[in-house]
PDB file of N, CA and C in Angstrom:
ATOM      1  N   MET A   1      13.013  -3.981  -1.592  1.00  0.00           N
ATOM      2  CA  MET A   1      11.806  -3.427  -2.164  1.00  0.00           C
ATOM      3  C   MET A   1      10.668  -3.453  -1.153  1.00  0.00           C
ATOM      4  N   LEU A   2      10.574  -4.533  -0.394  1.00  0.00           N
ATOM      5  CA  LEU A   2       9.493  -4.646   0.575  1.00  0.00           C
ATOM      6  C   LEU A   2       9.579  -3.553   1.630  1.00  0.00           C
ATOM      7  N   SER A   3      10.793  -3.222   2.084  1.00  0.00           N
ATOM      8  CA  SER A   3      10.918  -2.173   3.096  1.00  0.00           C
ATOM      9  C   SER A   3      10.433  -0.833   2.550  1.00  0.00           C
ATOM     10  N   GLY A   4      10.694  -0.568   1.269  1.00  0.00           N
ATOM     11  CA  GLY A   4      10.201   0.660   0.651  1.00  0.00           C
ATOM     12  C   GLY A   4       8.690   0.701   0.615  1.00  0.00           C
ATOM     13  N   VAL A   5       8.083  -0.432   0.351  1.00  0.00           N
ATOM     14  CA  VAL A   5       6.615  -0.510   0.318  1.00  0.00           C
ATOM     15  C   VAL A   5       6.052  -0.289   1.711  1.00  0.00           C
ATOM     16  N   ILE A   6       6.699  -0.841   2.712  1.00  0.00           N
ATOM     17  CA  ILE A   6       6.215  -0.655   4.076  1.00  0.00           C
ATOM     18  C   ILE A   6       6.330   0.805   4.478  1.00  0.00           C
ATOM     19  N   VAL A   7       7.411   1.462   4.098  1.00  0.00           N
ATOM     20  CA  VAL A   7       7.556   2.890   4.391  1.00  0.00           C
ATOM     21  C   VAL A   7       6.440   3.675   3.710  1.00  0.00           C
ATOM     22  N   ILE A   8       6.128   3.320   2.461  1.00  0.00           N
ATOM     23  CA  ILE A   8       5.016   3.976   1.772  1.00  0.00           C
ATOM     24  C   ILE A   8       3.729   3.755   2.548  1.00  0.00           C
ATOM     25  N   GLY A   9       3.540   2.559   3.082  1.00  0.00           N
ATOM     26  CA  GLY A   9       2.335   2.261   3.855  1.00  0.00           C
ATOM     27  C   GLY A   9       2.222   3.102   5.110  1.00  0.00           C
ATOM     28  N   ILE A  10       3.340   3.499   5.666  1.00  0.00           N
ATOM     29  CA  ILE A  10       3.305   4.346   6.859  1.00  0.00           C
ATOM     30  C   ILE A  10       3.138   5.806   6.454  1.00  0.00           C
ATOM     31  N   ALA A  11       3.865   6.224   5.436  1.00  0.00           N
ATOM     32  CA  ALA A  11       3.799   7.618   5.012  1.00  0.00           C
ATOM     33  C   ALA A  11       2.440   7.959   4.402  1.00  0.00           C
ATOM     34  N   PHE A  12       1.837   7.011   3.720  1.00  0.00           N
ATOM     35  CA  PHE A  12       0.542   7.206   3.085  1.00  0.00           C
ATOM     36  C   PHE A  12      -0.423   6.142   3.580  1.00  0.00           C
ATOM     37  N   PRO A  13      -0.974   6.327   4.777  1.00  0.00           N
ATOM     38  CA  PRO A  13      -1.922   5.324   5.256  1.00  0.00           C
ATOM     39  C   PRO A  13      -3.100   5.213   4.301  1.00  0.00           C
ATOM     40  N   VAL A  14      -4.064   4.439   4.666  1.00  0.00           N
ATOM     41  CA  VAL A  14      -5.154   4.086   3.757  1.00  0.00           C
ATOM     42  C   VAL A  14      -5.680   5.270   2.964  1.00  0.00           C
ATOM     43  N   VAL A  15      -5.874   6.405   3.584  1.00  0.00           N
ATOM     44  CA  VAL A  15      -6.407   7.572   2.869  1.00  0.00           C
ATOM     45  C   VAL A  15      -5.456   7.995   1.763  1.00  0.00           C
ATOM     46  N   GLY A  16      -4.162   8.043   2.045  1.00  0.00           N
ATOM     47  CA  GLY A  16      -3.179   8.436   1.041  1.00  0.00           C
ATOM     48  C   GLY A  16      -3.079   7.438  -0.093  1.00  0.00           C
ATOM     49  N   VAL A  17      -3.142   6.154   0.236  1.00  0.00           N
ATOM     50  CA  VAL A  17      -3.091   5.119  -0.791  1.00  0.00           C
ATOM     51  C   VAL A  17      -4.308   5.243  -1.698  1.00  0.00           C
ATOM     52  N   ARG A  18      -5.441   5.547  -1.112  1.00  0.00           N
ATOM     53  CA  ARG A  18      -6.648   5.735  -1.921  1.00  0.00           C
ATOM     54  C   ARG A  18      -6.531   6.964  -2.802  1.00  0.00           C
ATOM     55  N   MET A  19      -5.863   7.998  -2.318  1.00  0.00           N
ATOM     56  CA  MET A  19      -5.671   9.201  -3.139  1.00  0.00           C
ATOM     57  C   MET A  19      -4.818   8.880  -4.366  1.00  0.00           C
ATOM     58  N   LEU A  20      -3.943   7.904  -4.246  1.00  0.00           N
ATOM     59  CA  LEU A  20      -3.125   7.484  -5.379  1.00  0.00           C
ATOM     60  C   LEU A  20      -3.947   6.681  -6.384  1.00  0.00           C
ATOM     61  N   GLY A  21      -5.107   6.175  -5.951  1.00  0.00           N
ATOM     62  CA  GLY A  21      -5.979   5.431  -6.853  1.00  0.00           C
ATOM     63  C   GLY A  21      -6.187   3.974  -6.491  1.00  0.00           C
ATOM     64  N   PHE A  22      -5.651   3.540  -5.369  1.00  0.00           N
ATOM     65  CA  PHE A  22      -5.874   2.178  -4.883  1.00  0.00           C
ATOM     66  C   PHE A  22      -7.123   2.215  -4.003  1.00  0.00           C
ATOM     67  N   THR A  23      -8.263   1.749  -4.524  1.00  0.00           N
ATOM     68  CA  THR A  23      -9.531   1.896  -3.820  1.00  0.00           C
ATOM     69  C   THR A  23     -10.129   0.552  -3.427  1.00  0.00           C
ATOM     70  N   VAL A  24     -11.222   0.627  -2.677  1.00  0.00           N
ATOM     71  CA  VAL A  24     -11.932  -0.576  -2.260  1.00  0.00           C
ATOM     72  C   VAL A  24     -12.449  -1.343  -3.477  1.00  0.00           C
ATOM     73  N   LEU A  25     -12.797  -0.631  -4.536  1.00  0.00           N
ATOM     74  CA  LEU A  25     -13.333  -1.262  -5.741  1.00  0.00           C
ATOM     75  C   LEU A  25     -12.255  -1.665  -6.745  1.00  0.00           C
ATOM     76  N   GLY A  26     -11.004  -1.387  -6.455  1.00  0.00           N
ATOM     77  CA  GLY A  26      -9.913  -1.716  -7.371  1.00  0.00           C
ATOM     78  C   GLY A  26      -9.132  -0.473  -7.743  1.00  0.00           C
ATOM     79  N   ILE A  27      -8.296  -0.587  -8.736  1.00  0.00           N
ATOM     80  CA  ILE A  27      -7.453   0.529  -9.157  1.00  0.00           C
ATOM     81  C   ILE A  27      -8.264   1.473 -10.032  1.00  0.00           C
ATOM     82  N   LYS A  28      -8.215   2.758  -9.694  1.00  0.00           N
ATOM     83  CA  LYS A  28      -8.999   3.776 -10.395  1.00  0.00           C
ATOM     84  C   LYS A  28      -8.348   4.114 -11.741  1.00  0.00           C
ATOM     85  N   LYS A  29      -9.167   4.117 -12.772  1.00  0.00           N
ATOM     86  CA  LYS A  29      -8.706   4.414 -14.128  1.00  0.00           C
ATOM     87  C   LYS A  29      -8.094   5.821 -14.195  1.00  0.00           C
ATOM     88  N   GLY A  30      -6.943   5.943 -14.848  1.00  0.00           N
ATOM     89  CA  GLY A  30      -6.292   7.226 -15.045  1.00  0.00           C
ATOM     90  C   GLY A  30      -5.535   7.757 -13.833  1.00  0.00           C
ATOM     91  N   SER A  31      -5.425   6.977 -12.782  1.00  0.00           N
ATOM     92  CA  SER A  31      -4.763   7.425 -11.552  1.00  0.00           C
ATOM     93  C   SER A  31      -3.285   7.042 -11.549  1.00  0.00           C
ATOM     94  N   ILE A  32      -2.578   7.508 -10.537  1.00  0.00           N
ATOM     95  CA  ILE A  32      -1.181   7.115 -10.342  1.00  0.00           C
ATOM     96  C   ILE A  32      -1.110   5.605 -10.134  1.00  0.00           C
ATOM     97  N   ALA A  33      -2.089   5.055  -9.443  1.00  0.00           N
ATOM     98  CA  ALA A  33      -2.135   3.603  -9.227  1.00  0.00           C
ATOM     99  C   ALA A  33      -2.223   2.863 -10.560  1.00  0.00           C
ATOM    100  N   ALA A  34      -2.990   3.394 -11.488  1.00  0.00           N
ATOM    101  CA  ALA A  34      -3.100   2.769 -12.808  1.00  0.00           C
ATOM    102  C   ALA A  34      -1.754   2.804 -13.527  1.00  0.00           C
ATOM    103  N   TRP A  35      -1.027   3.904 -13.390  1.00  0.00           N
ATOM    104  CA  TRP A  35       0.306   4.003 -13.981  1.00  0.00           C
ATOM    105  C   TRP A  35       1.248   2.978 -13.343  1.00  0.00           C
ATOM    106  N   ILE A  36       1.191   2.875 -12.002  1.00  0.00           N
ATOM    107  CA  ILE A  36       2.035   1.898 -11.305  1.00  0.00           C
ATOM    108  C   ILE A  36       1.714   0.496 -11.802  1.00  0.00           C
ATOM    109  N   MET A  37       0.422   0.184 -11.911  1.00  0.00           N
ATOM    110  CA  MET A  37      -0.002  -1.131 -12.393  1.00  0.00           C
ATOM    111  C   MET A  37       0.522  -1.380 -13.813  1.00  0.00           C
ATOM    112  N   ALA A  38       0.492  -0.355 -14.644  1.00  0.00           N
ATOM    113  CA  ALA A  38       0.957  -0.496 -16.039  1.00  0.00           C
ATOM    114  C   ALA A  38       2.446  -0.820 -16.101  1.00  0.00           C
ATOM    115  N   THR A  39       3.216  -0.352 -15.130  1.00  0.00           N
ATOM    116  CA  THR A  39       4.653  -0.633 -15.136  1.00  0.00           C
ATOM    117  C   THR A  39       4.941  -2.117 -14.913  1.00  0.00           C
ATOM    118  N   TYR A  40       3.966  -2.849 -14.384  1.00  0.00           N
ATOM    119  CA  TYR A  40       4.126  -4.292 -14.164  1.00  0.00           C
ATOM    120  C   TYR A  40       3.774  -5.100 -15.416  1.00  0.00           C
ATOM    121  N   LEU A  41       3.281  -4.438 -16.461  1.00  0.00           N
ATOM    122  CA  LEU A  41       2.936  -5.086 -17.729  1.00  0.00           C
ATOM    123  C   LEU A  41       2.001  -6.281 -17.554  1.00  0.00           C
ATOM    124  N   GLY A  42       1.052  -6.142 -16.620  1.00  0.00           N
ATOM    125  CA  GLY A  42       0.064  -7.200 -16.405  1.00  0.00           C
ATOM    126  C   GLY A  42       0.555  -8.373 -15.588  1.00  0.00           C
ATOM    127  N   LYS A  43       1.745  -8.260 -15.022  1.00  0.00           N
ATOM    128  CA  LYS A  43       2.319  -9.372 -14.253  1.00  0.00           C
ATOM    129  C   LYS A  43       2.577  -8.950 -12.815  1.00  0.00           C
ATOM    130  N   VAL A  44       1.534  -8.521 -12.130  1.00  0.00           N
ATOM    131  CA  VAL A  44       1.661  -8.095 -10.735  1.00  0.00           C
ATOM    132  C   VAL A  44       1.849  -9.342  -9.874  1.00  0.00           C
ATOM    133  N   THR A  45       2.946  -9.381  -9.158  1.00  0.00           N
ATOM    134  CA  THR A  45       3.251 -10.546  -8.333  1.00  0.00           C
ATOM    135  C   THR A  45       2.847 -10.324  -6.887  1.00  0.00           C
ATOM    136  N   CYS A  46       2.692 -11.405  -6.192  1.00  0.00           N
ATOM    137  CA  CYS A  46       2.388 -11.367  -4.767  1.00  0.00           C
ATOM    138  C   CYS A  46       3.517 -10.628  -4.046  1.00  0.00           C
ATOM    139  N   ARG A  47       3.177  -9.790  -3.108  1.00  0.00           N
ATOM    140  CA  ARG A  47       4.116  -9.006  -2.297  1.00  0.00           C
ATOM    141  C   ARG A  47       4.812  -7.894  -3.073  1.00  0.00           C
ATOM    142  N   SER A  48       4.356  -7.573  -4.267  1.00  0.00           N
ATOM    143  CA  SER A  48       4.926  -6.440  -4.999  1.00  0.00           C
ATOM    144  C   SER A  48       4.343  -5.148  -4.434  1.00  0.00           C
ATOM    145  N   ALA A  49       4.949  -4.026  -4.768  1.00  0.00           N
ATOM    146  CA  ALA A  49       4.464  -2.733  -4.281  1.00  0.00           C
ATOM    147  C   ALA A  49       3.012  -2.517  -4.681  1.00  0.00           C
ATOM    148  N   CYS A  50       2.695  -2.838  -5.912  1.00  0.00           N
ATOM    149  CA  CYS A  50       1.330  -2.651  -6.408  1.00  0.00           C
ATOM    150  C   CYS A  50       0.339  -3.518  -5.625  1.00  0.00           C
ATOM    151  N   ALA A  51       0.681  -4.773  -5.409  1.00  0.00           N
ATOM    152  CA  ALA A  51      -0.210  -5.689  -4.687  1.00  0.00           C
ATOM    153  C   ALA A  51      -0.425  -5.249  -3.246  1.00  0.00           C
ATOM    154  N   ILE A  52       0.643  -4.818  -2.606  1.00  0.00           N
ATOM    155  CA  ILE A  52       0.529  -4.409  -1.203  1.00  0.00           C
ATOM    156  C   ILE A  52      -0.295  -3.131  -1.074  1.00  0.00           C
ATOM    157  N   MET A  53      -0.043  -2.150  -1.950  1.00  0.00           N
ATOM    158  CA  MET A  53      -0.822  -0.905  -1.866  1.00  0.00           C
ATOM    159  C   MET A  53      -2.288  -1.141  -2.201  1.00  0.00           C
ATOM    160  N   GLN A  54      -2.583  -2.048  -3.136  1.00  0.00           N
ATOM    161  CA  GLN A  54      -3.973  -2.353  -3.436  1.00  0.00           C
ATOM    162  C   GLN A  54      -4.633  -3.033  -2.251  1.00  0.00           C
ATOM    163  N   SER A  55      -3.908  -3.901  -1.571  1.00  0.00           N
ATOM    164  CA  SER A  55      -4.454  -4.554  -0.382  1.00  0.00           C
ATOM    165  C   SER A  55      -4.775  -3.534   0.699  1.00  0.00           C
ATOM    166  N   ILE A  56      -3.883  -2.567   0.887  1.00  0.00           N
ATOM    167  CA  ILE A  56      -4.119  -1.518   1.883  1.00  0.00           C
ATOM    168  C   ILE A  56      -5.341  -0.694   1.480  1.00  0.00           C
ATOM    169  N   GLY A  57      -5.438  -0.305   0.217  1.00  0.00           N
ATOM    170  CA  GLY A  57      -6.578   0.484  -0.253  1.00  0.00           C
ATOM    171  C   GLY A  57      -7.886  -0.271  -0.162  1.00  0.00           C
ATOM    172  N   ALA A  58      -7.838  -1.580  -0.368  1.00  0.00           N
ATOM    173  CA  ALA A  58      -9.053  -2.394  -0.357  1.00  0.00           C
ATOM    174  C   ALA A  58      -9.554  -2.700   1.046  1.00  0.00           C
ATOM    175  N   LEU A  59      -8.715  -2.514   2.051  1.00  0.00           N
ATOM    176  CA  LEU A  59      -9.120  -2.852   3.421  1.00  0.00           C
ATOM    177  C   LEU A  59     -10.257  -1.977   3.934  1.00  0.00           C
ATOM    178  N   GLY A  60     -10.280  -0.728   3.525  1.00  0.00           N
ATOM    179  CA  GLY A  60     -11.323   0.162   4.003  1.00  0.00           C
ATOM    180  C   GLY A  60     -11.221   0.437   5.497  1.00  0.00           C
ATOM    181  N   LEU A  61     -10.020   0.566   5.988  1.00  0.00           N
ATOM    182  CA  LEU A  61      -9.820   0.772   7.420  1.00  0.00           C
ATOM    183  C   LEU A  61     -10.030   2.224   7.831  1.00  0.00           C
ATOM    184  N   SER A  62     -10.460   2.391   9.057  1.00  0.00           N
ATOM    185  CA  SER A  62     -10.566   3.721   9.639  1.00  0.00           C
ATOM    186  C   SER A  62     -10.460   3.585  11.154  1.00  0.00           C
ATOM    187  N   GLY A  63     -10.297   4.682  11.804  1.00  0.00           N
ATOM    188  CA  GLY A  63     -10.277   4.704  13.270  1.00  0.00           C
ATOM    189  C   GLY A  63      -9.203   3.819  13.874  1.00  0.00           C
ATOM    190  N   TRP A  64      -9.601   3.028  14.869  1.00  0.00           N
ATOM    191  CA  TRP A  64      -8.662   2.174  15.604  1.00  0.00           C
ATOM    192  C   TRP A  64      -7.995   1.153  14.707  1.00  0.00           C
ATOM    193  N   LYS A  65      -8.725   0.596  13.745  1.00  0.00           N
ATOM    194  CA  LYS A  65      -8.124  -0.397  12.847  1.00  0.00           C
ATOM    195  C   LYS A  65      -6.980   0.225  12.050  1.00  0.00           C
ATOM    196  N   LEU A  66      -7.180   1.440  11.573  1.00  0.00           N
ATOM    197  CA  LEU A  66      -6.128   2.134  10.827  1.00  0.00           C
ATOM    198  C   LEU A  66      -4.922   2.375  11.725  1.00  0.00           C
ATOM    199  N   LEU A  67      -5.162   2.778  12.961  1.00  0.00           N
ATOM    200  CA  LEU A  67      -4.078   2.996  13.912  1.00  0.00           C
ATOM    201  C   LEU A  67      -3.276   1.713  14.120  1.00  0.00           C
ATOM    202  N   PHE A  68      -3.959   0.588  14.320  1.00  0.00           N
ATOM    203  CA  PHE A  68      -3.267  -0.679  14.542  1.00  0.00           C
ATOM    204  C   PHE A  68      -2.451  -1.096  13.321  1.00  0.00           C
ATOM    205  N   VAL A  69      -2.983  -0.883  12.123  1.00  0.00           N
ATOM    206  CA  VAL A  69      -2.237  -1.213  10.905  1.00  0.00           C
ATOM    207  C   VAL A  69      -0.985  -0.356  10.817  1.00  0.00           C
ATOM    208  N   ASN A  70      -1.097   0.939  11.100  1.00  0.00           N
ATOM    209  CA  ASN A  70       0.067   1.824  11.024  1.00  0.00           C
ATOM    210  C   ASN A  70       1.113   1.476  12.067  1.00  0.00           C
ATOM    211  N   VAL A  71       0.675   1.117  13.266  1.00  0.00           N
ATOM    212  CA  VAL A  71       1.626   0.702  14.305  1.00  0.00           C
ATOM    213  C   VAL A  71       2.323  -0.587  13.873  1.00  0.00           C
ATOM    214  N   GLY A  72       1.555  -1.531  13.335  1.00  0.00           N
ATOM    215  CA  GLY A  72       2.131  -2.787  12.862  1.00  0.00           C
ATOM    216  C   GLY A  72       3.146  -2.564  11.755  1.00  0.00           C
ATOM    217  N   LEU A  73       2.810  -1.700  10.805  1.00  0.00           N
ATOM    218  CA  LEU A  73       3.743  -1.396   9.724  1.00  0.00           C
ATOM    219  C   LEU A  73       4.992  -0.719  10.254  1.00  0.00           C
ATOM    220  N   SER A  74       4.848   0.147  11.239  1.00  0.00           N
ATOM    221  CA  SER A  74       6.008   0.822  11.831  1.00  0.00           C
ATOM    222  C   SER A  74       6.950  -0.188  12.466  1.00  0.00           C
ATOM    223  N   VAL A  75       6.392  -1.146  13.175  1.00  0.00           N
ATOM    224  CA  VAL A  75       7.213  -2.182  13.807  1.00  0.00           C
ATOM    225  C   VAL A  75       7.932  -3.002  12.739  1.00  0.00           C
ATOM    226  N   MET A  76       7.229  -3.330  11.651  1.00  0.00           N
ATOM    227  CA  MET A  76       7.852  -4.095  10.574  1.00  0.00           C
ATOM    228  C   MET A  76       9.024  -3.335   9.968  1.00  0.00           C
ATOM    229  N   VAL A  77       8.870  -2.034   9.775  1.00  0.00           N
ATOM    230  CA  VAL A  77       9.962  -1.232   9.221  1.00  0.00           C
ATOM    231  C   VAL A  77      11.160  -1.257  10.149  1.00  0.00           C
ATOM    232  N   LEU A  78      10.918  -1.099  11.436  1.00  0.00           N
ATOM    233  CA  LEU A  78      12.025  -1.114  12.397  1.00  0.00           C
ATOM    234  C   LEU A  78      12.761  -2.443  12.378  1.00  0.00           C
ATOM    235  N   VAL A  79      12.014  -3.539  12.292  1.00  0.00           N
ATOM    236  CA  VAL A  79      12.647  -4.867  12.257  1.00  0.00           C
ATOM    237  C   VAL A  79      13.480  -5.015  10.992  1.00  0.00           C
ATOM    238  N   ILE A  80      12.931  -4.598   9.857  1.00  0.00           N
ATOM    239  CA  ILE A  80      13.652  -4.731   8.582  1.00  0.00           C
ATOM    240  C   ILE A  80      14.892  -3.853   8.562  1.00  0.00           C
ATOM    241  N   LEU A  81      14.780  -2.618   9.058  1.00  0.00           N
ATOM    242  CA  LEU A  81      15.910  -1.699   9.039  1.00  0.00           C
ATOM    243  C   LEU A  81      17.028  -2.111   9.993  1.00  0.00           C
ATOM    244  N   ARG A  82      16.711  -2.862  11.029  1.00  0.00           N
ATOM    245  CA  ARG A  82      17.723  -3.292  11.984  1.00  0.00           C
ATOM    246  C   ARG A  82      18.526  -4.470  11.494  1.00  0.00           C
ATOM    247  N   ARG A  83      18.062  -5.113  10.408  1.00  0.00           N
ATOM    248  CA  ARG A  83      18.778  -6.299   9.886  1.00  0.00           C
ATOM    249  C   ARG A  83      20.035  -5.914   9.184  1.00  0.00           C
TER     250      ARG A  83
END
Protein backbone atom coordinates (compact mmCIF):
# COMPACT_ATOMS: atom_id res chain seq x y z
CA MET A 1 0.00 0.00 0.00
CA LEU A 2 2.80 2.40 0.84
CA SER A 3 4.40 1.99 -2.59
CA GLY A 4 1.06 2.91 -4.19
CA VAL A 5 0.89 6.04 -2.07
CA ILE A 6 4.42 7.01 -3.04
CA VAL A 7 3.57 6.56 -6.72
CA ILE A 8 0.55 8.82 -6.20
CA GLY A 9 2.88 11.35 -4.60
CA ILE A 10 5.03 11.37 -7.71
CA ALA A 11 2.19 11.32 -10.23
CA PHE A 12 0.29 14.05 -8.37
CA PRO A 13 2.79 16.35 -6.70
CA VAL A 14 1.57 18.94 -4.24
CA VAL A 15 -0.58 20.77 -6.79
CA GLY A 16 -2.34 17.56 -7.85
CA VAL A 17 -2.87 16.44 -4.27
CA ARG A 18 -4.42 19.81 -3.52
CA MET A 19 -6.70 19.45 -6.54
CA LEU A 20 -7.99 16.25 -4.94
CA GLY A 21 -8.86 18.30 -1.84
CA PHE A 22 -5.87 17.80 0.46
CA THR A 23 -5.06 21.42 1.34
CA VAL A 24 -2.92 23.44 3.72
CA LEU A 25 -6.04 24.06 5.83
CA GLY A 26 -7.14 20.41 5.86
CA ILE A 27 -9.40 18.25 3.75
CA LYS A 28 -11.82 20.26 1.60
CA LYS A 29 -15.50 19.51 2.14
CA GLY A 30 -17.16 17.66 -0.76
CA SER A 31 -13.85 16.81 -2.47
CA ILE A 32 -12.34 13.49 -3.53
CA ALA A 33 -10.14 13.81 -0.44
CA ALA A 34 -13.26 13.97 1.73
CA TRP A 35 -14.52 10.78 0.08
CA ILE A 36 -11.16 9.08 0.68
CA MET A 37 -11.26 10.19 4.32
CA ALA A 38 -14.81 8.82 4.66
CA THR A 39 -13.64 5.38 3.51
CA TYR A 40 -11.48 5.23 6.67
CA LEU A 41 -14.62 5.62 8.85
CA GLY A 42 -12.87 8.12 11.11
CA LYS A 43 -9.92 5.82 11.80
CA VAL A 44 -7.14 7.31 9.68
CA THR A 45 -3.91 5.63 10.72
CA CYS A 46 -0.36 6.86 10.55
CA ARG A 47 1.24 6.13 7.15
CA SER A 48 -2.12 5.48 5.47
CA ALA A 49 -2.79 6.87 1.99
CA CYS A 50 -5.04 9.55 3.43
CA ALA A 51 -2.49 10.64 6.05
CA ILE A 52 0.37 10.78 3.57
CA MET A 53 -1.58 12.75 0.95
CA GLN A 54 -2.78 15.20 3.61
CA SER A 55 0.80 15.67 4.76
CA ILE A 56 1.88 16.39 1.18
CA GLY A 57 -1.01 18.85 0.70
CA ALA A 58 -0.29 20.57 4.00
CA LEU A 59 3.39 21.15 3.23
CA GLY A 60 2.71 24.04 0.88
CA LEU A 61 5.80 23.29 -1.17
CA SER A 62 6.77 25.02 -4.36
CA GLY A 63 9.84 25.55 -6.50
CA TRP A 64 13.03 23.82 -5.37
CA LYS A 65 11.40 22.28 -2.29
CA LEU A 66 8.78 20.60 -4.48
CA LEU A 67 11.51 19.32 -6.79
CA PHE A 68 13.46 17.83 -3.87
CA VAL A 69 10.33 16.12 -2.49
CA ASN A 70 9.55 14.60 -5.90
CA VAL A 71 13.13 13.39 -6.34
CA GLY A 72 13.05 11.89 -2.84
CA LEU A 73 9.76 10.14 -3.53
CA SER A 74 11.12 8.80 -6.82
CA VAL A 75 14.11 7.30 -5.04
CA MET A 76 11.81 5.73 -2.43
CA VAL A 77 9.71 4.12 -5.16
CA LEU A 78 12.79 2.68 -6.83
CA VAL A 79 14.03 1.23 -3.54
CA ILE A 80 10.63 -0.31 -2.75
CA LEU A 81 10.16 -1.73 -6.25
CA ARG A 82 13.61 -3.35 -6.23
CA ARG A 83 12.79 -5.37 -3.10
